[in-house]
Amino acid sequence: MTTTLQGVIPYIATPLAPDGQVDRAMLTRLCEHLIAQGVHGLCPLGSTGEFAYLTRDQKAQVVETVVSAAAGRVPVIAGVASTATADAVSQARDWAALGADGILAVMEAYFPVPDSGVVDYFSAVADATALPVTMYTNPNFQRSDLSPGTIETLSHHPRIAYLKDASTNTGRLLSTLNRTEGRIGVFAASSHITVAVMLIGGLGWMAGPSCIVPGQSVQLYDLCKAGKWDEAMALQRKLWAVNEVFARFNLAAAIKAGLKLQGFDCGPPVAPQAPLTEAQEGELRTILNRLGAL
């Protein structure tokens, strides 16, 4: 399995049964569907996968199921997240043992962490296995952000290969690309206009909305790779409504509601998160109908 990442890599929702067990059959169905739609990788335990709400056992079930479903056809980039470095290192080793092809590293924090501590955390995760690491930063939800200087420092680590940025700041992404001088590849999030990120040198995007519009997302990526920027922007304008809904509603709730409309009942988001209201679900249904995603 190649671990050179590019393209559309959906953050996969985590289907849960009423008893809290991972619905492995539904998760397998969802992976098969996404692969059939042409996505370039799968990312279990991203934000949309509700990593912050799952037990360690649930997380292991998710990674094991996605690796098995992918069966080497696309890379599986498994999320690692913790407030404690030792726990993050343990997760990375476990996911590698389960067959993941890469690690998506998130640093959670309760107390603020200085830049030196951020560097130490991501370095320890990268040192834990032989897998390539994608750093993930989301200033809207994280207490300790990855500063440009920290990203530049970490870009020199031999196994820190990528950055997934959810800052909404495309100028910051260009600064990152300039400062890291090709040492790391940059992926956008749903908060970015992905065509713009591709134009400045991005490799693709890791995002929840690609779970409910995978075919359209792959089409958008192909247009960008072909340099058909006018056509890409025309499609981006249509797809942006999904990004807007994603930003306004609970992340996991929006994706799980969309998937249920498409025949993939992944259950409600983990409490205390709330599912979409009937009116919100109706709004999402209208958007997906307009995009031909139902």
Protein backbone atom coordinates (compact mmCIF):
# COMPACT_ATOMS: atom_id res chain seq x y z
CA MET A 1 0.00 0.00 0.00
CA THR A 2 1.40 3.37 -0.98
CA THR A 3 1.37 5.96 1.76
CA THR A 4 1.74 8.94 -0.55
CA LEU A 5 -1.47 10.81 0.12
CA GLN A 6 -3.49 13.01 -2.19
CA GLY A 7 -7.05 13.64 -3.24
CA VAL A 8 -10.33 13.27 -1.40
CA ILE A 9 -10.05 11.53 1.98
CA PRO A 10 -13.38 11.55 3.85
CA TYR A 11 -13.60 11.72 7.61
CA ILE A 12 -15.81 8.69 8.11
CA ALA A 13 -18.80 8.85 10.45
CA THR A 14 -18.81 6.26 13.23
CA PRO A 15 -22.01 4.14 13.10
CA LEU A 16 -23.07 3.10 16.58
CA ALA A 17 -25.75 0.63 17.62
CA PRO A 18 -28.14 1.52 20.46
CA ASP A 19 -25.99 -0.48 22.89
CA GLY A 20 -22.96 1.67 22.05
CA GLN A 21 -21.15 -0.99 20.04
CA VAL A 22 -19.68 0.01 16.69
CA ASP A 23 -22.01 -1.10 13.90
CA ARG A 24 -19.32 -2.89 11.94
CA ALA A 25 -21.67 -4.00 9.15
CA MET A 26 -22.85 -0.44 8.50
CA LEU A 27 -19.31 0.92 8.70
CA THR A 28 -18.17 -1.69 6.17
CA ARG A 29 -21.06 -0.76 3.85
CA LEU A 30 -20.14 2.91 4.12
CA CYS A 31 -16.47 2.23 3.31
CA GLU A 32 -17.47 0.14 0.28
CA HIS A 33 -19.73 2.94 -0.92
CA LEU A 34 -17.04 5.61 -0.55
CA ILE A 35 -14.41 3.50 -2.32
CA ALA A 36 -16.86 2.80 -5.16
CA GLN A 37 -17.36 6.56 -5.51
CA GLY A 38 -13.63 6.97 -6.14
CA VAL A 39 -12.28 8.50 -2.94
CA HIS A 40 -8.51 8.35 -2.54
CA GLY A 41 -8.33 7.30 1.11
CA LEU A 42 -10.36 6.77 4.28
CA CYS A 43 -9.89 8.53 7.60
CA PRO A 44 -11.53 6.88 10.61
CA LEU A 45 -11.54 8.81 13.90
CA GLY A 46 -11.49 12.30 12.44
CA SER A 47 -13.68 15.08 13.82
CA THR A 48 -16.75 13.79 11.98
CA GLY A 49 -15.95 10.33 13.34
CA GLU A 50 -16.51 11.72 16.84
CA PHE A 51 -13.10 10.73 18.14
CA ALA A 52 -13.59 12.99 21.19
CA TYR A 53 -16.68 10.98 22.26
CA LEU A 54 -15.54 7.39 21.79
CA THR A 55 -13.98 4.91 24.21
CA ARG A 56 -10.64 3.33 23.44
CA ASP A 57 -12.37 0.03 22.65
CA GLN A 58 -14.79 1.74 20.25
CA LYS A 59 -11.88 3.46 18.51
CA ALA A 60 -10.07 0.15 18.07
CA GLN A 61 -13.21 -1.42 16.60
CA VAL A 62 -13.50 1.45 14.12
CA VAL A 63 -9.89 1.24 12.93
CA GLU A 64 -9.99 -2.55 12.65
CA THR A 65 -13.22 -2.44 10.64
CA VAL A 66 -12.09 0.28 8.24
CA VAL A 67 -8.74 -1.42 7.60
CA SER A 68 -10.53 -4.68 6.87
CA ALA A 69 -13.08 -2.98 4.60
CA ALA A 70 -10.43 -1.06 2.66
CA ALA A 71 -8.51 -4.29 2.05
CA GLY A 72 -5.53 -2.40 0.69
CA ARG A 73 -7.49 -0.60 -2.04
CA VAL A 74 -7.01 2.85 -0.53
CA PRO A 75 -4.85 4.04 2.38
CA VAL A 76 -6.41 4.23 5.83
CA ILE A 77 -5.30 7.21 7.91
CA ALA A 78 -6.35 6.56 11.50
CA GLY A 79 -6.92 9.35 13.98
CA VAL A 80 -4.89 9.62 17.18
CA ALA A 81 -5.99 12.17 19.77
CA SER A 82 -5.34 12.66 23.46
CA THR A 83 -4.48 15.21 26.10
CA ALA A 84 -1.62 12.96 27.23
CA THR A 85 1.41 12.18 25.10
CA ALA A 86 1.80 8.63 26.43
CA ASP A 87 -1.80 7.79 25.52
CA ALA A 88 -1.40 9.23 22.01
CA VAL A 89 1.75 7.17 21.51
CA SER A 90 -0.11 4.05 22.67
CA GLN A 91 -2.96 4.73 20.23
CA ALA A 92 -0.54 5.22 17.33
CA ARG A 93 1.16 1.91 18.06
CA ASP A 94 -2.18 0.11 18.33
CA TRP A 95 -3.51 1.54 15.06
CA ALA A 96 -0.28 0.61 13.30
CA ALA A 97 -0.61 -2.94 14.63
CA LEU A 98 -4.18 -3.06 13.28
CA GLY A 99 -2.88 -2.22 9.79
CA ALA A 100 -3.39 1.52 9.39
CA ASP A 101 -1.33 3.10 6.61
CA GLY A 102 -0.88 6.47 8.31
CA ILE A 103 -1.70 8.47 11.42
CA LEU A 104 -3.76 11.64 11.72
CA ALA A 105 -2.44 13.27 14.89
CA VAL A 106 -4.58 15.62 16.96
CA MET A 107 -3.47 17.23 20.22
CA GLU A 108 -6.28 17.79 22.69
CA ALA A 109 -5.67 20.10 25.64
CA TYR A 110 -7.32 21.19 28.85
CA PHE A 111 -4.56 23.43 30.16
CA PRO A 112 -2.67 25.56 27.62
CA VAL A 113 0.43 23.94 26.15
CA PRO A 114 3.50 25.97 25.05
CA ASP A 115 4.89 25.53 21.55
CA SER A 116 7.70 23.34 22.90
CA GLY A 117 5.12 20.96 24.36
CA VAL A 118 3.22 20.87 21.07
CA VAL A 119 6.43 19.95 19.23
CA ASP A 120 7.18 17.24 21.79
CA TYR A 121 3.67 15.74 21.48
CA PHE A 122 3.65 15.45 17.68
CA SER A 123 7.27 14.30 17.61
CA ALA A 124 6.49 11.52 20.09
CA VAL A 125 3.54 10.32 17.98
CA ALA A 126 5.73 10.36 14.87
CA ASP A 127 8.50 8.47 16.70
CA ALA A 128 6.05 5.79 17.87
CA THR A 129 5.66 3.99 14.53
CA ALA A 130 7.11 3.83 11.04
CA LEU A 131 3.91 5.34 9.57
CA PRO A 132 3.68 8.79 7.99
CA VAL A 133 1.94 11.35 10.19
CA THR A 134 -0.55 14.04 9.21
CA MET A 135 -0.74 16.85 11.75
CA TYR A 136 -4.22 18.24 12.30
CA THR A 137 -4.93 21.74 13.49
CA ASN A 138 -8.37 23.22 14.14
CA PRO A 139 -8.12 26.53 16.03
CA ASN A 140 -11.91 26.76 16.35
CA PHE A 141 -12.04 23.72 18.63
CA GLN A 142 -8.53 23.19 19.96
CA ARG A 143 -7.07 24.96 22.97
CA SER A 144 -3.52 24.74 21.64
CA ASP A 145 -3.08 25.59 17.97
CA LEU A 146 -0.20 24.67 15.72
CA SER A 147 1.57 27.98 15.15
CA PRO A 148 3.40 28.60 11.85
CA GLY A 149 6.74 28.34 13.65
CA THR A 150 5.75 25.05 15.26
CA ILE A 151 4.64 23.63 11.92
CA GLU A 152 7.96 24.69 10.37
CA THR A 153 9.89 22.97 13.16
CA LEU A 154 7.85 19.77 12.91
CA SER A 155 8.18 19.69 9.12
CA HIS A 156 11.80 18.61 9.60
CA HIS A 157 10.76 15.36 11.29
CA PRO A 158 11.28 12.52 8.77
CA ARG A 159 7.84 10.96 9.37
CA ILE A 160 5.73 14.11 9.69
CA ALA A 161 4.66 14.32 6.08
CA TYR A 162 1.37 16.23 5.94
CA LEU A 163 -0.74 18.95 7.54
CA LYS A 164 -4.53 19.04 7.60
CA ASP A 165 -5.54 22.64 8.36
CA ALA A 166 -9.03 23.69 9.50
CA SER A 167 -8.19 27.30 10.30
CA THR A 168 -10.30 28.81 7.47
CA ASN A 169 -7.27 30.99 6.74
CA THR A 170 -6.00 30.20 3.23
CA GLY A 171 -3.32 32.88 3.52
CA ARG A 172 -1.91 31.01 6.48
CA LEU A 173 -1.81 27.88 4.34
CA LEU A 174 0.23 29.66 1.68
CA SER A 175 2.62 30.89 4.37
CA THR A 176 2.92 27.30 5.61
CA LEU A 177 3.67 26.00 2.12
CA ASN A 178 6.33 28.68 1.67
CA ARG A 179 7.94 28.16 5.08
CA THR A 180 8.06 24.35 4.90
CA GLU A 181 9.59 24.40 1.39
CA GLY A 182 8.02 21.17 0.17
CA ARG A 183 8.78 19.10 3.28
CA ILE A 184 5.10 18.55 4.08
CA GLY A 185 1.98 18.32 1.96
CA VAL A 186 -1.08 20.40 2.83
CA PHE A 187 -4.68 19.19 2.96
CA ALA A 188 -7.69 21.46 3.29
CA ALA A 189 -10.70 21.03 5.57
CA SER A 190 -14.37 21.73 4.90
CA SER A 191 -13.80 25.23 6.29
CA HIS A 192 -11.61 26.09 3.30
CA ILE A 193 -12.59 26.76 -0.30
CA THR A 194 -10.90 23.65 -1.58
CA VAL A 195 -10.36 24.89 -5.13
CA ALA A 196 -8.34 27.80 -3.71
CA VAL A 197 -6.25 25.40 -1.62
CA MET A 198 -5.59 23.24 -4.68
CA LEU A 199 -4.63 26.31 -6.69
CA ILE A 200 -1.92 27.32 -4.21
CA GLY A 201 -0.43 23.83 -4.07
CA GLY A 202 -2.62 21.74 -1.77
CA LEU A 203 -2.79 17.97 -2.20
CA GLY A 204 -6.53 17.62 -1.61
CA TRP A 205 -8.84 17.64 1.38
CA MET A 206 -9.73 15.60 4.42
CA ALA A 207 -13.27 16.55 5.32
CA GLY A 208 -16.59 15.30 6.65
CA PRO A 209 -18.80 16.57 3.79
CA SER A 210 -17.02 14.20 1.39
CA CYS A 211 -18.87 11.40 3.23
CA ILE A 212 -22.19 12.60 1.80
CA VAL A 213 -21.01 14.00 -1.56
CA PRO A 214 -18.08 11.67 -2.39
CA GLY A 215 -18.63 11.44 -6.14
CA GLN A 216 -19.02 15.20 -6.51
CA SER A 217 -15.92 15.73 -4.35
CA VAL A 218 -13.85 13.44 -6.55
CA GLN A 219 -15.13 15.25 -9.63
CA LEU A 220 -14.05 18.56 -8.08
CA TYR A 221 -10.59 17.18 -7.34
CA ASP A 222 -10.21 15.85 -10.89
CA LEU A 223 -11.13 19.25 -12.35
CA CYS A 224 -8.53 20.92 -10.15
CA LYS A 225 -5.83 18.43 -11.13
CA ALA A 226 -6.66 19.04 -14.78
CA GLY A 227 -6.32 22.80 -14.28
CA LYS A 228 -9.92 23.40 -15.30
CA TRP A 229 -10.34 26.13 -12.75
CA ASP A 230 -13.49 27.76 -14.18
CA GLU A 231 -15.32 24.41 -14.21
CA ALA A 232 -13.96 23.60 -10.77
CA MET A 233 -15.25 26.87 -9.33
CA ALA A 234 -18.67 26.34 -10.91
CA LEU A 235 -18.90 22.98 -9.11
CA GLN A 236 -17.38 24.43 -5.92
CA ARG A 237 -20.12 27.07 -5.77
CA LYS A 238 -22.77 24.35 -5.89
CA LEU A 239 -21.05 22.20 -3.28
CA TRP A 240 -20.40 25.10 -0.91
CA ALA A 241 -23.93 24.81 0.48
CA VAL A 242 -22.89 21.51 2.07
CA ASN A 243 -19.91 23.19 3.71
CA GLU A 244 -22.14 25.96 5.02
CA VAL A 245 -24.55 23.47 6.61
CA PHE A 246 -21.60 21.60 8.08
CA ALA A 247 -20.37 24.83 9.68
CA ARG A 248 -23.77 25.84 11.09
CA PHE A 249 -24.92 22.51 12.51
CA ASN A 250 -23.21 19.96 14.73
CA LEU A 251 -20.55 18.28 12.58
CA ALA A 252 -21.32 14.64 13.28
CA ALA A 253 -25.08 15.22 13.43
CA ALA A 254 -25.12 16.80 9.97
CA ILE A 255 -23.14 14.01 8.35
CA LYS A 256 -25.07 11.25 10.12
CA ALA A 257 -28.36 12.87 9.06
CA GLY A 258 -27.16 13.09 5.46
CA LEU A 259 -25.98 9.49 5.46
CA LYS A 260 -29.31 8.30 6.86
CA LEU A 261 -31.09 10.07 3.99
CA GLN A 262 -28.80 8.11 1.64
CA GLY A 263 -29.59 4.76 3.27
CA PHE A 264 -26.72 4.55 5.75
CA ASP A 265 -28.26 4.74 9.22
CA CYS A 266 -25.31 5.43 11.50
CA GLY A 267 -27.42 6.28 14.54
CA PRO A 268 -27.53 9.64 16.32
CA PRO A 269 -24.41 11.54 17.36
CA VAL A 270 -22.99 10.52 20.71
CA ALA A 271 -24.75 12.28 23.62
CA PRO A 272 -24.70 15.01 24.77
CA GLN A 273 -24.51 16.08 21.12
CA ALA A 274 -27.97 16.58 19.64
CA PRO A 275 -29.23 15.22 16.32
CA LEU A 276 -30.51 17.63 13.70
CA THR A 277 -34.01 18.96 14.17
CA GLU A 278 -36.68 18.07 11.64
CA ALA A 279 -36.34 21.52 10.05
CA GLN A 280 -32.55 21.23 9.83
CA GLU A 281 -32.82 17.77 8.31
CA GLY A 282 -35.27 19.14 5.74
CA GLU A 283 -32.79 21.84 4.81
CA LEU A 284 -30.07 19.25 4.36
CA ARG A 285 -32.38 17.06 2.26
CA THR A 286 -33.11 20.00 -0.06
CA ILE A 287 -29.42 20.68 -0.56
CA LEU A 288 -28.53 17.04 -1.24
CA ASN A 289 -31.45 16.73 -3.68
CA ARG A 290 -30.22 19.78 -5.54
CA LEU A 291 -26.76 18.20 -5.83
CA GLY A 292 -28.11 14.84 -7.03
CA ALA A 293 -26.78 13.19 -3.86
CA LEU A 294 -30.02 11.41 -2.91
